[in-house]
PDB file of all heavy atoms in Angstrom:
ATOM      1  N   ASP A   1      97.726 132.980 121.206  1.00  0.00           N
ATOM      2  CA  ASP A   1      96.357 132.368 121.445  1.00  0.00           C
ATOM      3  C   ASP A   1      95.981 131.739 120.105  1.00  0.00           C
ATOM      4  O   ASP A   1      95.239 132.502 119.242  1.00  0.00           O
ATOM      5  CB  ASP A   1      95.399 133.408 121.944  1.00  0.00           C
ATOM      6  CG  ASP A   1      94.111 132.759 122.239  1.00  0.00           C
ATOM      7  OD1 ASP A   1      93.955 131.589 122.305  1.00  0.00           O
ATOM      8  OD2 ASP A   1      93.073 133.577 122.522  1.00  0.00           O
ATOM      9  N   SER A   2      96.192 130.445 119.900  1.00  0.00           N
ATOM     10  CA  SER A   2      96.026 129.797 118.587  1.00  0.00           C
ATOM     11  C   SER A   2      95.454 128.470 118.763  1.00  0.00           C
ATOM     12  O   SER A   2      96.010 127.754 119.710  1.00  0.00           O
ATOM     13  CB  SER A   2      97.286 129.837 117.699  1.00  0.00           C
ATOM     14  OG  SER A   2      97.083 129.263 116.462  1.00  0.00           O
ATOM     15  N   GLU A   3      94.677 128.045 117.926  1.00  0.00           N
ATOM     16  CA  GLU A   3      94.071 126.679 117.898  1.00  0.00           C
ATOM     17  C   GLU A   3      93.462 126.258 116.552  1.00  0.00           C
ATOM     18  O   GLU A   3      93.248 127.136 115.697  1.00  0.00           O
ATOM     19  CB  GLU A   3      93.037 126.645 119.000  1.00  0.00           C
ATOM     20  CG  GLU A   3      91.765 127.387 118.682  1.00  0.00           C
ATOM     21  CD  GLU A   3      90.702 127.288 119.886  1.00  0.00           C
ATOM     22  OE1 GLU A   3      90.931 126.497 120.787  1.00  0.00           O
ATOM     23  OE2 GLU A   3      89.705 127.919 119.725  1.00  0.00           O
ATOM     24  N   ARG A   4      93.299 125.076 116.404  1.00  0.00           N
ATOM     25  CA  ARG A   4      92.724 124.594 115.129  1.00  0.00           C
ATOM     26  C   ARG A   4      91.152 124.643 115.254  1.00  0.00           C
ATOM     27  O   ARG A   4      90.617 124.189 116.253  1.00  0.00           O
ATOM     28  CB  ARG A   4      93.159 123.183 114.942  1.00  0.00           C
ATOM     29  CG  ARG A   4      94.647 122.969 114.510  1.00  0.00           C
ATOM     30  CD  ARG A   4      94.964 121.566 114.120  1.00  0.00           C
ATOM     31  NE  ARG A   4      96.428 121.541 113.759  1.00  0.00           N
ATOM     32  CZ  ARG A   4      96.971 122.076 112.559  1.00  0.00           C
ATOM     33  NH1 ARG A   4      96.146 122.517 111.670  1.00  0.00           N
ATOM     34  NH2 ARG A   4      98.215 122.094 112.394  1.00  0.00           N
ATOM     35  N   VAL A   5      90.525 124.872 114.149  1.00  0.00           N
ATOM     36  CA  VAL A   5      89.093 124.704 113.999  1.00  0.00           C
ATOM     37  C   VAL A   5      88.931 123.747 112.807  1.00  0.00           C
ATOM     38  O   VAL A   5      89.105 124.281 111.647  1.00  0.00           O
ATOM     39  CB  VAL A   5      88.287 126.008 113.835  1.00  0.00           C
ATOM     40  CG1 VAL A   5      86.815 125.805 113.615  1.00  0.00           C
ATOM     41  CG2 VAL A   5      88.673 127.115 114.891  1.00  0.00           C
ATOM     42  N   ILE A   6      88.562 122.534 113.114  1.00  0.00           N
ATOM     43  CA  ILE A   6      88.410 121.586 112.048  1.00  0.00           C
ATOM     44  C   ILE A   6      86.985 121.623 111.469  1.00  0.00           C
ATOM     45  O   ILE A   6      85.922 121.474 112.154  1.00  0.00           O
ATOM     46  CB  ILE A   6      88.736 120.135 112.540  1.00  0.00           C
ATOM     47  CG1 ILE A   6      90.015 120.223 113.375  1.00  0.00           C
ATOM     48  CG2 ILE A   6      88.805 119.119 111.481  1.00  0.00           C
ATOM     49  CD1 ILE A   6      91.252 120.486 112.505  1.00  0.00           C
ATOM     50  N   GLY A   7      86.876 121.694 110.102  1.00  0.00           N
ATOM     51  CA  GLY A   7      85.650 122.058 109.516  1.00  0.00           C
ATOM     52  C   GLY A   7      84.494 121.014 109.686  1.00  0.00           C
ATOM     53  O   GLY A   7      83.440 121.315 109.971  1.00  0.00           O
ATOM     54  N   LYS A   8      84.729 119.753 109.456  1.00  0.00           N
ATOM     55  CA  LYS A   8      83.714 118.765 109.485  1.00  0.00           C
ATOM     56  C   LYS A   8      83.113 118.604 110.785  1.00  0.00           C
ATOM     57  O   LYS A   8      81.888 118.550 110.918  1.00  0.00           O
ATOM     58  CB  LYS A   8      84.313 117.498 108.938  1.00  0.00           C
ATOM     59  CG  LYS A   8      84.578 117.307 107.496  1.00  0.00           C
ATOM     60  CD  LYS A   8      84.972 115.914 106.933  1.00  0.00           C
ATOM     61  CE  LYS A   8      85.145 115.979 105.406  1.00  0.00           C
ATOM     62  NZ  LYS A   8      85.616 114.511 105.020  1.00  0.00           N
ATOM     63  N   PRO A   9      83.784 118.398 111.773  1.00  0.00           N
ATOM     64  CA  PRO A   9      83.074 118.413 113.202  1.00  0.00           C
ATOM     65  C   PRO A   9      82.471 119.573 113.541  1.00  0.00           C
ATOM     66  O   PRO A   9      81.362 119.692 114.270  1.00  0.00           O
ATOM     67  CB  PRO A   9      84.221 118.048 114.192  1.00  0.00           C
ATOM     68  CG  PRO A   9      85.570 118.278 113.483  1.00  0.00           C
ATOM     69  CD  PRO A   9      85.310 118.127 112.023  1.00  0.00           C
ATOM     70  N   TRP A  10      83.100 120.764 113.096  1.00  0.00           N
ATOM     71  CA  TRP A  10      82.359 122.090 113.415  1.00  0.00           C
ATOM     72  C   TRP A  10      81.039 122.291 112.764  1.00  0.00           C
ATOM     73  O   TRP A  10      80.038 122.493 113.548  1.00  0.00           O
ATOM     74  CB  TRP A  10      83.310 123.267 112.924  1.00  0.00           C
ATOM     75  CG  TRP A  10      82.908 124.625 113.401  1.00  0.00           C
ATOM     76  CD1 TRP A  10      83.060 125.172 114.622  1.00  0.00           C
ATOM     77  CD2 TRP A  10      82.222 125.535 112.533  1.00  0.00           C
ATOM     78  NE1 TRP A  10      82.648 126.440 114.579  1.00  0.00           N
ATOM     79  CE2 TRP A  10      81.937 126.655 113.373  1.00  0.00           C
ATOM     80  CE3 TRP A  10      81.794 125.572 111.308  1.00  0.00           C
ATOM     81  CZ2 TRP A  10      81.423 127.818 112.920  1.00  0.00           C
ATOM     82  CZ3 TRP A  10      81.173 126.645 110.830  1.00  0.00           C
ATOM     83  CH2 TRP A  10      80.840 127.812 111.590  1.00  0.00           C
ATOM     84  N   ILE A  11      81.003 121.909 111.534  1.00  0.00           N
ATOM     85  CA  ILE A  11      79.668 122.091 110.845  1.00  0.00           C
ATOM     86  C   ILE A  11      78.679 120.925 111.243  1.00  0.00           C
ATOM     87  O   ILE A  11      77.455 121.184 111.312  1.00  0.00           O
ATOM     88  CB  ILE A  11      79.905 122.081 109.290  1.00  0.00           C
ATOM     89  CG1 ILE A  11      78.767 122.621 108.616  1.00  0.00           C
ATOM     90  CG2 ILE A  11      80.109 120.661 108.843  1.00  0.00           C
ATOM     91  CD1 ILE A  11      78.682 124.147 108.635  1.00  0.00           C
ATOM     92  N   ALA A  12      79.274 119.664 111.463  1.00  0.00           N
ATOM     93  CA  ALA A  12      78.412 118.712 111.925  1.00  0.00           C
ATOM     94  C   ALA A  12      77.730 118.935 113.319  1.00  0.00           C
ATOM     95  O   ALA A  12      76.544 118.753 113.536  1.00  0.00           O
ATOM     96  CB  ALA A  12      79.190 117.421 112.150  1.00  0.00           C
ATOM     97  N   GLY A  13      78.433 119.749 114.201  1.00  0.00           N
ATOM     98  CA  GLY A  13      78.015 120.217 115.515  1.00  0.00           C
ATOM     99  C   GLY A  13      76.755 121.057 115.270  1.00  0.00           C
ATOM    100  O   GLY A  13      75.741 121.056 115.905  1.00  0.00           O
ATOM    101  N   LEU A  14      76.994 122.009 114.472  1.00  0.00           N
ATOM    102  CA  LEU A  14      75.971 123.021 114.095  1.00  0.00           C
ATOM    103  C   LEU A  14      74.742 122.393 113.571  1.00  0.00           C
ATOM    104  O   LEU A  14      73.506 122.742 113.938  1.00  0.00           O
ATOM    105  CB  LEU A  14      76.469 124.127 113.059  1.00  0.00           C
ATOM    106  CG  LEU A  14      77.498 125.071 113.605  1.00  0.00           C
ATOM    107  CD1 LEU A  14      78.057 125.964 112.549  1.00  0.00           C
ATOM    108  CD2 LEU A  14      76.835 126.002 114.739  1.00  0.00           C
ATOM    109  N   ASN A  15      74.888 121.496 112.561  1.00  0.00           N
ATOM    110  CA  ASN A  15      73.687 120.799 112.072  1.00  0.00           C
ATOM    111  C   ASN A  15      72.971 119.961 113.045  1.00  0.00           C
ATOM    112  O   ASN A  15      71.640 120.118 113.040  1.00  0.00           O
ATOM    113  CB  ASN A  15      74.194 119.835 110.856  1.00  0.00           C
ATOM    114  CG  ASN A  15      74.329 120.625 109.580  1.00  0.00           C
ATOM    115  OD1 ASN A  15      73.525 121.588 109.272  1.00  0.00           O
ATOM    116  ND2 ASN A  15      75.394 120.325 108.752  1.00  0.00           N
ATOM    117  N   ALA A  16      73.599 119.369 113.883  1.00  0.00           N
ATOM    118  CA  ALA A  16      73.004 118.545 114.862  1.00  0.00           C
ATOM    119  C   ALA A  16      72.107 119.331 115.865  1.00  0.00           C
ATOM    120  O   ALA A  16      70.976 119.039 116.135  1.00  0.00           O
ATOM    121  CB  ALA A  16      73.935 117.760 115.715  1.00  0.00           C
ATOM    122  N   GLN A  17      72.680 120.512 116.163  1.00  0.00           N
ATOM    123  CA  GLN A  17      71.876 121.380 117.036  1.00  0.00           C
ATOM    124  C   GLN A  17      70.819 122.076 116.412  1.00  0.00           C
ATOM    125  O   GLN A  17      69.618 122.209 116.988  1.00  0.00           O
ATOM    126  CB  GLN A  17      72.859 122.530 117.624  1.00  0.00           C
ATOM    127  CG  GLN A  17      72.161 123.408 118.769  1.00  0.00           C
ATOM    128  CD  GLN A  17      71.928 122.572 119.998  1.00  0.00           C
ATOM    129  OE1 GLN A  17      72.808 121.780 120.422  1.00  0.00           O
ATOM    130  NE2 GLN A  17      70.657 122.694 120.575  1.00  0.00           N
ATOM    131  N   LEU A  18      70.878 122.420 115.101  1.00  0.00           N
ATOM    132  CA  LEU A  18      69.772 122.971 114.445  1.00  0.00           C
ATOM    133  C   LEU A  18      68.652 122.032 114.114  1.00  0.00           C
ATOM    134  O   LEU A  18      67.493 122.357 114.105  1.00  0.00           O
ATOM    135  CB  LEU A  18      70.330 123.591 113.006  1.00  0.00           C
ATOM    136  CG  LEU A  18      71.148 124.845 113.170  1.00  0.00           C
ATOM    137  CD1 LEU A  18      71.847 125.238 111.881  1.00  0.00           C
ATOM    138  CD2 LEU A  18      70.368 126.061 113.664  1.00  0.00           C
ATOM    139  N   ARG A  19      69.021 120.791 113.748  1.00  0.00           N
ATOM    140  CA  ARG A  19      67.973 119.694 113.557  1.00  0.00           C
ATOM    141  C   ARG A  19      67.104 119.581 114.833  1.00  0.00           C
ATOM    142  O   ARG A  19      65.992 119.507 114.709  1.00  0.00           O
ATOM    143  CB  ARG A  19      68.644 118.381 113.150  1.00  0.00           C
ATOM    144  CG  ARG A  19      69.277 118.290 111.898  1.00  0.00           C
ATOM    145  CD  ARG A  19      70.053 116.932 111.658  1.00  0.00           C
ATOM    146  NE  ARG A  19      69.047 115.860 111.556  1.00  0.00           N
ATOM    147  CZ  ARG A  19      68.875 115.065 110.575  1.00  0.00           C
ATOM    148  NH1 ARG A  19      69.499 115.362 109.512  1.00  0.00           N
ATOM    149  NH2 ARG A  19      67.819 114.149 110.599  1.00  0.00           N
ATOM    150  N   LYS A  20      67.794 119.590 115.991  1.00  0.00           N
ATOM    151  CA  LYS A  20      67.096 119.533 117.260  1.00  0.00           C
ATOM    152  C   LYS A  20      66.260 120.776 117.538  1.00  0.00           C
ATOM    153  O   LYS A  20      65.085 120.640 117.883  1.00  0.00           O
ATOM    154  CB  LYS A  20      68.115 119.312 118.350  1.00  0.00           C
ATOM    155  CG  LYS A  20      67.511 119.209 119.787  1.00  0.00           C
ATOM    156  CD  LYS A  20      68.616 119.001 120.733  1.00  0.00           C
ATOM    157  CE  LYS A  20      67.942 118.931 122.155  1.00  0.00           C
ATOM    158  NZ  LYS A  20      68.924 118.828 123.213  1.00  0.00           N
ATOM    159  N   ASP A  21      66.891 121.948 117.434  1.00  0.00           N
ATOM    160  CA  ASP A  21      66.176 123.256 117.807  1.00  0.00           C
ATOM    161  C   ASP A  21      65.003 123.509 116.875  1.00  0.00           C
ATOM    162  O   ASP A  21      64.067 124.072 117.267  1.00  0.00           O
ATOM    163  CB  ASP A  21      67.154 124.399 117.839  1.00  0.00           C
ATOM    164  CG  ASP A  21      68.293 124.209 118.937  1.00  0.00           C
ATOM    165  OD1 ASP A  21      68.096 123.381 119.806  1.00  0.00           O
ATOM    166  OD2 ASP A  21      69.184 124.924 118.844  1.00  0.00           O
ATOM    167  N   LEU A  22      65.231 123.164 115.596  1.00  0.00           N
ATOM    168  CA  LEU A  22      64.075 123.576 114.534  1.00  0.00           C
ATOM    169  C   LEU A  22      63.348 122.366 114.136  1.00  0.00           C
ATOM    170  O   LEU A  22      62.443 122.587 113.206  1.00  0.00           O
ATOM    171  CB  LEU A  22      64.872 124.217 113.363  1.00  0.00           C
ATOM    172  CG  LEU A  22      65.673 125.589 113.618  1.00  0.00           C
ATOM    173  CD1 LEU A  22      66.312 126.088 112.328  1.00  0.00           C
ATOM    174  CD2 LEU A  22      64.960 126.680 114.341  1.00  0.00           C
ATOM    175  N   ASN A  23      63.615 121.264 114.709  1.00  0.00           N
ATOM    176  CA  ASN A  23      62.827 120.025 114.272  1.00  0.00           C
ATOM    177  C   ASN A  23      62.936 119.767 112.850  1.00  0.00           C
ATOM    178  O   ASN A  23      61.865 119.593 112.111  1.00  0.00           O
ATOM    179  CB  ASN A  23      61.329 120.157 114.724  1.00  0.00           C
ATOM    180  CG  ASN A  23      60.620 118.922 114.748  1.00  0.00           C
ATOM    181  OD1 ASN A  23      61.276 117.754 114.890  1.00  0.00           O
ATOM    182  ND2 ASN A  23      59.305 118.906 114.466  1.00  0.00           N
ATOM    183  N   LEU A  24      64.126 119.705 112.328  1.00  0.00           N
ATOM    184  CA  LEU A  24      64.419 119.459 111.048  1.00  0.00           C
ATOM    185  C   LEU A  24      64.757 118.039 110.695  1.00  0.00           C
ATOM    186  O   LEU A  24      65.259 117.293 111.591  1.00  0.00           O
ATOM    187  CB  LEU A  24      65.605 120.386 110.462  1.00  0.00           C
ATOM    188  CG  LEU A  24      65.427 121.855 110.664  1.00  0.00           C
ATOM    189  CD1 LEU A  24      66.666 122.650 110.199  1.00  0.00           C
ATOM    190  CD2 LEU A  24      64.251 122.423 109.798  1.00  0.00           C
ATOM    191  N   SER A  25      64.455 117.555 109.446  1.00  0.00           N
ATOM    192  CA  SER A  25      64.625 116.209 109.112  1.00  0.00           C
ATOM    193  C   SER A  25      65.995 116.056 108.309  1.00  0.00           C
ATOM    194  O   SER A  25      66.326 115.027 107.802  1.00  0.00           O
ATOM    195  CB  SER A  25      63.511 115.580 108.297  1.00  0.00           C
ATOM    196  OG  SER A  25      63.315 116.352 107.234  1.00  0.00           O
ATOM    197  N   TRP A  26      66.609 117.267 108.022  1.00  0.00           N
ATOM    198  CA  TRP A  26      67.827 117.202 107.234  1.00  0.00           C
ATOM    199  C   TRP A  26      68.854 118.158 107.841  1.00  0.00           C
ATOM    200  O   TRP A  26      68.596 118.996 108.653  1.00  0.00           O
ATOM    201  CB  TRP A  26      67.485 117.646 105.785  1.00  0.00           C
ATOM    202  CG  TRP A  26      67.160 119.248 105.543  1.00  0.00           C
ATOM    203  CD1 TRP A  26      68.169 120.055 105.195  1.00  0.00           C
ATOM    204  CD2 TRP A  26      66.038 119.842 105.919  1.00  0.00           C
ATOM    205  NE1 TRP A  26      67.614 121.366 105.199  1.00  0.00           N
ATOM    206  CE2 TRP A  26      66.213 121.256 105.543  1.00  0.00           C
ATOM    207  CE3 TRP A  26      64.736 119.464 106.303  1.00  0.00           C
ATOM    208  CZ2 TRP A  26      65.214 122.237 105.781  1.00  0.00           C
ATOM    209  CZ3 TRP A  26      63.741 120.412 106.393  1.00  0.00           C
ATOM    210  CH2 TRP A  26      63.934 121.786 106.275  1.00  0.00           C
ATOM    211  N   ASP A  27      70.264 118.001 107.403  1.00  0.00           N
ATOM    212  CA  ASP A  27      71.138 118.851 107.729  1.00  0.00           C
ATOM    213  C   ASP A  27      71.091 120.105 106.916  1.00  0.00           C
ATOM    214  O   ASP A  27      71.236 120.063 105.616  1.00  0.00           O
ATOM    215  CB  ASP A  27      72.680 118.248 107.549  1.00  0.00           C
ATOM    216  CG  ASP A  27      72.882 117.087 108.578  1.00  0.00           C
ATOM    217  OD1 ASP A  27      72.252 117.208 109.602  1.00  0.00           O
ATOM    218  OD2 ASP A  27      73.710 116.291 108.267  1.00  0.00           O
ATOM    219  N   PRO A  28      70.786 121.121 107.541  1.00  0.00           N
ATOM    220  CA  PRO A  28      70.451 122.481 106.857  1.00  0.00           C
ATOM    221  C   PRO A  28      71.710 123.303 106.418  1.00  0.00           C
ATOM    222  O   PRO A  28      71.608 124.258 105.567  1.00  0.00           O
ATOM    223  CB  PRO A  28      69.592 123.301 107.788  1.00  0.00           C
ATOM    224  CG  PRO A  28      70.164 122.952 109.102  1.00  0.00           C
ATOM    225  CD  PRO A  28      70.655 121.431 108.968  1.00  0.00           C
ATOM    226  N   LEU A  29      72.929 122.956 106.805  1.00  0.00           N
ATOM    227  CA  LEU A  29      74.144 123.838 106.419  1.00  0.00           C
ATOM    228  C   LEU A  29      75.134 122.935 105.665  1.00  0.00           C
ATOM    229  O   LEU A  29      75.354 121.763 105.981  1.00  0.00           O
ATOM    230  CB  LEU A  29      74.636 124.234 107.775  1.00  0.00           C
ATOM    231  CG  LEU A  29      73.828 125.125 108.830  1.00  0.00           C
ATOM    232  CD1 LEU A  29      74.835 125.439 109.890  1.00  0.00           C
ATOM    233  CD2 LEU A  29      73.238 126.217 107.979  1.00  0.00           C
ATOM    234  N   MET A  30      75.739 123.580 104.699  1.00  0.00           N
ATOM    235  CA  MET A  30      76.785 123.062 103.781  1.00  0.00           C
ATOM    236  C   MET A  30      77.879 123.989 103.887  1.00  0.00           C
ATOM    237  O   MET A  30      77.813 125.293 103.869  1.00  0.00           O
ATOM    238  CB  MET A  30      76.381 122.894 102.425  1.00  0.00           C
ATOM    239  CG  MET A  30      75.223 121.878 102.168  1.00  0.00           C
ATOM    240  SD  MET A  30      75.913 120.269 102.344  1.00  0.00           S
ATOM    241  CE  MET A  30      77.095 120.244 100.823  1.00  0.00           C
ATOM    242  N   ALA A  31      79.130 123.444 103.958  1.00  0.00           N
ATOM    243  CA  ALA A  31      80.261 124.283 103.976  1.00  0.00           C
ATOM    244  C   ALA A  31      81.436 123.620 103.173  1.00  0.00           C
ATOM    245  O   ALA A  31      82.622 123.530 103.644  1.00  0.00           O
ATOM    246  CB  ALA A  31      80.792 124.592 105.380  1.00  0.00           C
TER     247      ALA A  31
END
């Protein structure tokens, strides 16, 4: 049971959801 987790789209998805959920004007996560 193996798969790739690609960093840039993974962190971008989190940032997009957090911007929406928390009404933020910036990307709050860096990796």
